[in-house]
Each structure stands twice: as C-alpha cells, then as structure tokens.
Amino acid sequence: MMSLKFLKNFSFFFSILLLLVFTFLFSFTLFISEKPMKINILNLFDRESQILKKKKYGR
C-alpha cells in the first residue's frame, strides 16, 4: 500500500511540474513572438572598433 501512495503523490507532483513547464514555454513563446528582437550582427564586426584601435596603435 505504501508504494501506491507514493506513486499517487509522485504522479500528482510530476503532472504539476509538467504543467508548469509547458505553461512557461507557451508564455515564453508568446512573449518572443509579440516582441521580436532585432539583432544587428554587422555592428559586432565594426572596423572602427575601440579594442582594435588600442591593439593597433599600442595605447
């Protein structure tokens, strides 16, 4: 009888956990689709980078 009670509790908590995970994923998907982020990759490869200037001219 102890294992039946354990299985009942385990299945209850597992289903709650799955419900929370799916709710989080669904809300995250809605949030991302509502406000898409624009990432400009070309700014990362800027030729006038301050780091490269310091290395190039030894400042």
Protein backbone atom coordinates (compact mmCIF):
# COMPACT_ATOMS: atom_id res chain seq x y z
CA MET A 1 0.00 0.00 0.00
CA MET A 2 2.92 2.33 0.64
CA SER A 3 4.06 2.17 -2.99
CA LEU A 4 0.57 3.04 -4.25
CA LYS A 5 0.50 6.15 -2.10
CA PHE A 6 3.99 7.07 -3.28
CA LEU A 7 3.03 6.57 -6.93
CA LYS A 8 -0.09 8.66 -6.47
CA ASN A 9 1.89 11.52 -4.92
CA PHE A 10 4.67 11.21 -7.47
CA SER A 11 2.28 11.31 -10.41
CA PHE A 12 0.50 14.33 -8.93
CA PHE A 13 3.71 16.33 -8.45
CA PHE A 14 5.07 15.23 -11.80
CA SER A 15 1.92 16.38 -13.58
CA ILE A 16 2.06 19.73 -11.76
CA LEU A 17 5.70 20.10 -12.81
CA LEU A 18 4.90 19.31 -16.43
CA LEU A 19 2.02 21.75 -16.37
CA LEU A 20 4.30 24.50 -15.08
CA VAL A 21 6.99 23.76 -17.67
CA PHE A 22 4.53 23.78 -20.57
CA THR A 23 2.90 26.95 -19.28
CA PHE A 24 6.29 28.64 -19.07
CA LEU A 25 7.24 27.52 -22.59
CA PHE A 26 3.92 28.65 -24.01
CA SER A 27 4.08 32.06 -22.37
CA PHE A 28 7.73 32.47 -23.39
CA THR A 29 6.81 31.66 -27.00
CA LEU A 30 4.00 34.20 -26.93
CA PHE A 31 6.30 36.83 -25.43
CA ILE A 32 9.00 36.26 -28.04
CA SER A 33 6.57 36.32 -30.93
CA GLU A 34 4.95 39.52 -29.61
CA LYS A 35 8.24 41.45 -29.28
CA PRO A 36 10.77 40.06 -31.74
CA MET A 37 14.29 41.25 -31.10
CA LYS A 38 16.33 42.66 -33.94
CA ILE A 39 19.99 41.80 -33.66
CA ASN A 40 22.31 43.67 -35.97
CA ILE A 41 25.31 41.39 -36.39
CA LEU A 42 27.20 43.88 -38.55
CA ASN A 43 27.78 46.13 -35.53
CA LEU A 44 29.80 43.34 -33.91
CA PHE A 45 32.28 43.41 -36.79
CA ASP A 46 32.79 47.17 -36.83
CA ARG A 47 36.05 48.19 -38.49
CA GLU A 48 36.44 51.18 -36.16
CA SER A 49 36.37 49.08 -33.01
CA GLN A 50 37.96 50.65 -29.94
CA ILE A 51 39.66 47.38 -28.96
CA LEU A 52 41.31 47.04 -32.36
CA LYS A 53 42.46 50.67 -32.26
CA LYS A 54 44.13 50.09 -28.89
CA LYS A 55 45.89 46.98 -30.15
CA LYS A 56 46.88 48.54 -33.47
CA TYR A 57 48.34 51.75 -32.10
CA GLY A 58 49.54 50.35 -28.78
CA ARG A 59 47.62 52.73 -26.49
